[in-house]
């Protein structure tokens, strides 16, 4: 990434409270924890806005690709907000673009992306994104 993403670049925000065990031995949130922030943000949005049924739904999303770039540290007890947008919306897949912001700050501390492929729960075969999920995701397209 060439420039630090800005808050205005994102369509939806999920507040998250860092936890004591998120810090590593160096005193900042460990890099793998950012992926948990991303996953929680996307799935909260899909459940609340798109009606995704993670327990009994016929369709589930599998993460098939992910990455993250880091610009500044965060640490417990920072309050953060994860920005979410959709970079690409396909027939059965979606690329999410996310950024971690300290509450109230304009520049991201980290930015990442991941790709979900939606599959039939029983067969694990790709399926078209269900209409309710697609409608929710279209609201996040740049």
C-alpha atoms as a PDB file:
ATOM      1  CA  UNK A   1       0.000   0.000   0.000  1.00  0.00           C
ATOM      2  CA  UNK A   2       1.427   3.344  -0.974  1.00  0.00           C
ATOM      3  CA  UNK A   3      -0.649   5.699   1.183  1.00  0.00           C
ATOM      4  CA  UNK A   4      -2.125   5.284   4.626  1.00  0.00           C
ATOM      5  CA  UNK A   5      -5.879   4.730   4.245  1.00  0.00           C
ATOM      6  CA  UNK A   6      -8.166   7.417   5.630  1.00  0.00           C
ATOM      7  CA  UNK A   7     -11.394   7.033   7.586  1.00  0.00           C
ATOM      8  CA  UNK A   8     -13.388   8.663   4.749  1.00  0.00           C
ATOM      9  CA  UNK A   9     -12.391   5.752   2.460  1.00  0.00           C
ATOM     10  CA  UNK A  10     -14.685   3.291   4.303  1.00  0.00           C
ATOM     11  CA  UNK A  11     -18.454   2.784   4.333  1.00  0.00           C
ATOM     12  CA  UNK A  12     -19.117   0.922   7.611  1.00  0.00           C
ATOM     13  CA  UNK A  13     -17.405   0.958  11.018  1.00  0.00           C
ATOM     14  CA  UNK A  14     -17.368  -1.653  13.770  1.00  0.00           C
ATOM     15  CA  UNK A  15     -16.209  -0.530  17.243  1.00  0.00           C
ATOM     16  CA  UNK A  16     -13.963  -3.020  19.017  1.00  0.00           C
ATOM     17  CA  UNK A  17     -12.423  -2.897  22.469  1.00  0.00           C
ATOM     18  CA  UNK A  18      -8.914  -4.295  22.626  1.00  0.00           C
ATOM     19  CA  UNK A  19      -8.354  -6.895  25.325  1.00  0.00           C
ATOM     20  CA  UNK A  20      -5.490  -7.450  27.746  1.00  0.00           C
ATOM     21  CA  UNK A  21      -4.409 -10.667  26.034  1.00  0.00           C
ATOM     22  CA  UNK A  22      -4.284  -8.948  22.605  1.00  0.00           C
ATOM     23  CA  UNK A  23      -0.937  -7.395  23.609  1.00  0.00           C
ATOM     24  CA  UNK A  24       2.210  -9.357  22.910  1.00  0.00           C
ATOM     25  CA  UNK A  25       5.556  -9.331  24.709  1.00  0.00           C
ATOM     26  CA  UNK A  26       6.480  -6.093  22.892  1.00  0.00           C
ATOM     27  CA  UNK A  27       3.521  -4.263  24.424  1.00  0.00           C
ATOM     28  CA  UNK A  28       1.375  -3.851  21.318  1.00  0.00           C
ATOM     29  CA  UNK A  29      -1.450  -5.803  19.705  1.00  0.00           C
ATOM     30  CA  UNK A  30       0.021  -8.844  18.012  1.00  0.00           C
ATOM     31  CA  UNK A  31      -0.194  -8.954  14.220  1.00  0.00           C
ATOM     32  CA  UNK A  32      -2.393 -12.066  14.086  1.00  0.00           C
ATOM     33  CA  UNK A  33      -5.036 -10.340  16.216  1.00  0.00           C
ATOM     34  CA  UNK A  34      -5.781  -7.903  13.385  1.00  0.00           C
ATOM     35  CA  UNK A  35      -7.160 -10.818  11.364  1.00  0.00           C
ATOM     36  CA  UNK A  36      -9.574 -11.540  14.215  1.00  0.00           C
ATOM     37  CA  UNK A  37     -10.691  -7.898  14.118  1.00  0.00           C
ATOM     38  CA  UNK A  38     -11.278  -8.201  10.366  1.00  0.00           C
ATOM     39  CA  UNK A  39     -13.175 -11.472  10.675  1.00  0.00           C
ATOM     40  CA  UNK A  40     -15.375 -10.147  13.490  1.00  0.00           C
ATOM     41  CA  UNK A  41     -16.164  -6.961  11.568  1.00  0.00           C
ATOM     42  CA  UNK A  42     -17.161  -8.737   8.369  1.00  0.00           C
ATOM     43  CA  UNK A  43     -19.192 -11.443  10.056  1.00  0.00           C
ATOM     44  CA  UNK A  44     -20.996  -8.980  12.332  1.00  0.00           C
ATOM     45  CA  UNK A  45     -21.967  -6.994   9.252  1.00  0.00           C
ATOM     46  CA  UNK A  46     -23.090 -10.084   7.310  1.00  0.00           C
ATOM     47  CA  UNK A  47     -25.177 -11.359  10.241  1.00  0.00           C
ATOM     48  CA  UNK A  48     -26.756  -8.003  11.139  1.00  0.00           C
ATOM     49  CA  UNK A  49     -27.199  -6.492   7.679  1.00  0.00           C
ATOM     50  CA  UNK A  50     -27.330  -9.493   5.362  1.00  0.00           C
ATOM     51  CA  UNK A  51     -29.089 -12.068   7.484  1.00  0.00           C
ATOM     52  CA  UNK A  52     -26.258 -14.608   7.389  1.00  0.00           C
ATOM     53  CA  UNK A  53     -27.108 -17.617   9.555  1.00  0.00           C
ATOM     54  CA  UNK A  54     -23.732 -18.896  10.728  1.00  0.00           C
ATOM     55  CA  UNK A  55     -25.215 -21.844  12.623  1.00  0.00           C
ATOM     56  CA  UNK A  56     -27.857 -23.339  10.343  1.00  0.00           C
ATOM     57  CA  UNK A  57     -27.695 -21.496   7.009  1.00  0.00           C
ATOM     58  CA  UNK A  58     -27.242 -23.423   3.781  1.00  0.00           C
ATOM     59  CA  UNK A  59     -24.532 -21.006   2.614  1.00  0.00           C
ATOM     60  CA  UNK A  60     -21.287 -20.139   4.425  1.00  0.00           C
ATOM     61  CA  UNK A  61     -18.318 -17.969   3.526  1.00  0.00           C
ATOM     62  CA  UNK A  62     -14.817 -19.463   3.397  1.00  0.00           C
ATOM     63  CA  UNK A  63     -11.782 -17.191   3.607  1.00  0.00           C
ATOM     64  CA  UNK A  64      -9.515 -18.082   0.673  1.00  0.00           C
ATOM     65  CA  UNK A  65      -7.035 -15.191   0.759  1.00  0.00           C
ATOM     66  CA  UNK A  66      -5.950 -12.502   3.233  1.00  0.00           C
ATOM     67  CA  UNK A  67      -3.289  -9.867   3.849  1.00  0.00           C
ATOM     68  CA  UNK A  68      -2.527  -6.955   6.171  1.00  0.00           C
ATOM     69  CA  UNK A  69      -0.208  -3.928   6.132  1.00  0.00           C
ATOM     70  CA  UNK A  70       0.738  -2.164   9.357  1.00  0.00           C
ATOM     71  CA  UNK A  71       1.332   1.580   9.754  1.00  0.00           C
ATOM     72  CA  UNK A  72       1.172   2.311  13.502  1.00  0.00           C
ATOM     73  CA  UNK A  73       0.848   0.285  16.708  1.00  0.00           C
ATOM     74  CA  UNK A  74      -2.223  -0.163  18.835  1.00  0.00           C
ATOM     75  CA  UNK A  75      -2.237  -1.585  22.348  1.00  0.00           C
ATOM     76  CA  UNK A  76      -4.620  -2.494  25.139  1.00  0.00           C
ATOM     77  CA  UNK A  77      -6.648  -0.532  26.308  1.00  0.00           C
ATOM     78  CA  UNK A  78      -7.079   1.297  22.962  1.00  0.00           C
ATOM     79  CA  UNK A  79     -10.589   1.594  21.596  1.00  0.00           C
ATOM     80  CA  UNK A  80     -10.574   0.938  17.879  1.00  0.00           C
ATOM     81  CA  UNK A  81     -12.950   1.080  14.939  1.00  0.00           C
ATOM     82  CA  UNK A  82     -12.582  -1.197  11.948  1.00  0.00           C
ATOM     83  CA  UNK A  83     -13.595   0.337   8.642  1.00  0.00           C
ATOM     84  CA  UNK A  84     -15.131  -1.926   6.008  1.00  0.00           C
ATOM     85  CA  UNK A  85     -15.738  -1.592   2.292  1.00  0.00           C
ATOM     86  CA  UNK A  86     -16.082  -3.969  -0.662  1.00  0.00           C
ATOM     87  CA  UNK A  87     -13.376  -3.759  -3.295  1.00  0.00           C
ATOM     88  CA  UNK A  88     -14.767  -6.427  -5.631  1.00  0.00           C
ATOM     89  CA  UNK A  89     -18.097  -8.220  -5.704  1.00  0.00           C
ATOM     90  CA  UNK A  90     -18.269 -11.309  -7.878  1.00  0.00           C
ATOM     91  CA  UNK A  91     -20.839 -14.039  -8.434  1.00  0.00           C
ATOM     92  CA  UNK A  92     -19.765 -16.272  -5.535  1.00  0.00           C
ATOM     93  CA  UNK A  93     -16.921 -14.248  -4.007  1.00  0.00           C
ATOM     94  CA  UNK A  94     -16.303 -10.878  -2.413  1.00  0.00           C
ATOM     95  CA  UNK A  95     -13.105  -9.003  -1.608  1.00  0.00           C
ATOM     96  CA  UNK A  96     -13.379  -7.009   1.611  1.00  0.00           C
ATOM     97  CA  UNK A  97     -11.063  -4.120   2.317  1.00  0.00           C
ATOM     98  CA  UNK A  98     -10.649  -3.188   5.954  1.00  0.00           C
ATOM     99  CA  UNK A  99      -8.712  -0.709   8.072  1.00  0.00           C
ATOM    100  CA  UNK A 100      -8.091  -0.392  11.807  1.00  0.00           C
ATOM    101  CA  UNK A 101      -8.400   3.100  13.275  1.00  0.00           C
ATOM    102  CA  UNK A 102      -7.866   4.301  16.821  1.00  0.00           C
ATOM    103  CA  UNK A 103     -11.200   5.780  17.903  1.00  0.00           C
ATOM    104  CA  UNK A 104     -11.559   9.279  16.472  1.00  0.00           C
ATOM    105  CA  UNK A 105      -8.396   9.194  14.353  1.00  0.00           C
ATOM    106  CA  UNK A 106      -8.435   9.784  10.591  1.00  0.00           C
ATOM    107  CA  UNK A 107      -5.431   7.661   9.520  1.00  0.00           C
ATOM    108  CA  UNK A 108      -5.452   3.886   9.710  1.00  0.00           C
ATOM    109  CA  UNK A 109      -3.055   1.970  11.942  1.00  0.00           C
ATOM    110  CA  UNK A 110      -3.386  -1.072   9.669  1.00  0.00           C
ATOM    111  CA  UNK A 111      -5.186  -2.014   6.475  1.00  0.00           C
ATOM    112  CA  UNK A 112      -5.970  -5.384   5.015  1.00  0.00           C
ATOM    113  CA  UNK A 113      -8.131  -7.397   2.734  1.00  0.00           C
ATOM    114  CA  UNK A 114      -9.625 -10.805   2.559  1.00  0.00           C
ATOM    115  CA  UNK A 115     -11.689 -12.785   0.119  1.00  0.00           C
ATOM    116  CA  UNK A 116     -14.739 -14.861   0.986  1.00  0.00           C
ATOM    117  CA  UNK A 117     -16.031 -17.519  -1.381  1.00  0.00           C
ATOM    118  CA  UNK A 118     -19.597 -18.475  -0.568  1.00  0.00           C
ATOM    119  CA  UNK A 119     -20.231 -22.207  -0.638  1.00  0.00           C
ATOM    120  CA  UNK A 120     -23.013 -24.656  -0.003  1.00  0.00           C
ATOM    121  CA  UNK A 121     -22.510 -25.876   3.567  1.00  0.00           C
ATOM    122  CA  UNK A 122     -23.249 -29.526   2.674  1.00  0.00           C
ATOM    123  CA  UNK A 123     -21.131 -29.851  -0.474  1.00  0.00           C
ATOM    124  CA  UNK A 124     -18.473 -27.140   0.048  1.00  0.00           C
ATOM    125  CA  UNK A 125     -19.065 -26.135  -3.588  1.00  0.00           C
ATOM    126  CA  UNK A 126     -19.202 -22.438  -4.595  1.00  0.00           C
ATOM    127  CA  UNK A 127     -22.680 -20.949  -4.980  1.00  0.00           C
ATOM    128  CA  UNK A 128     -23.953 -17.517  -6.008  1.00  0.00           C
ATOM    129  CA  UNK A 129     -24.022 -15.011  -3.163  1.00  0.00           C
ATOM    130  CA  UNK A 130     -27.572 -15.101  -1.715  1.00  0.00           C
ATOM    131  CA  UNK A 131     -29.712 -12.054  -2.564  1.00  0.00           C
ATOM    132  CA  UNK A 132     -29.928 -10.702   1.007  1.00  0.00           C
ATOM    133  CA  UNK A 133     -26.150 -10.872   1.436  1.00  0.00           C
ATOM    134  CA  UNK A 134     -25.533  -9.378  -2.013  1.00  0.00           C
ATOM    135  CA  UNK A 135     -27.831  -6.436  -1.229  1.00  0.00           C
ATOM    136  CA  UNK A 136     -25.929  -5.754   2.030  1.00  0.00           C
ATOM    137  CA  UNK A 137     -22.553  -6.067   0.276  1.00  0.00           C
ATOM    138  CA  UNK A 138     -23.586  -3.732  -2.559  1.00  0.00           C
ATOM    139  CA  UNK A 139     -23.967  -0.962   0.044  1.00  0.00           C
ATOM    140  CA  UNK A 140     -20.229  -1.247   0.755  1.00  0.00           C
ATOM    141  CA  UNK A 141     -18.967  -1.138  -2.847  1.00  0.00           C
ATOM    142  CA  UNK A 142     -16.845   1.893  -3.616  1.00  0.00           C
END
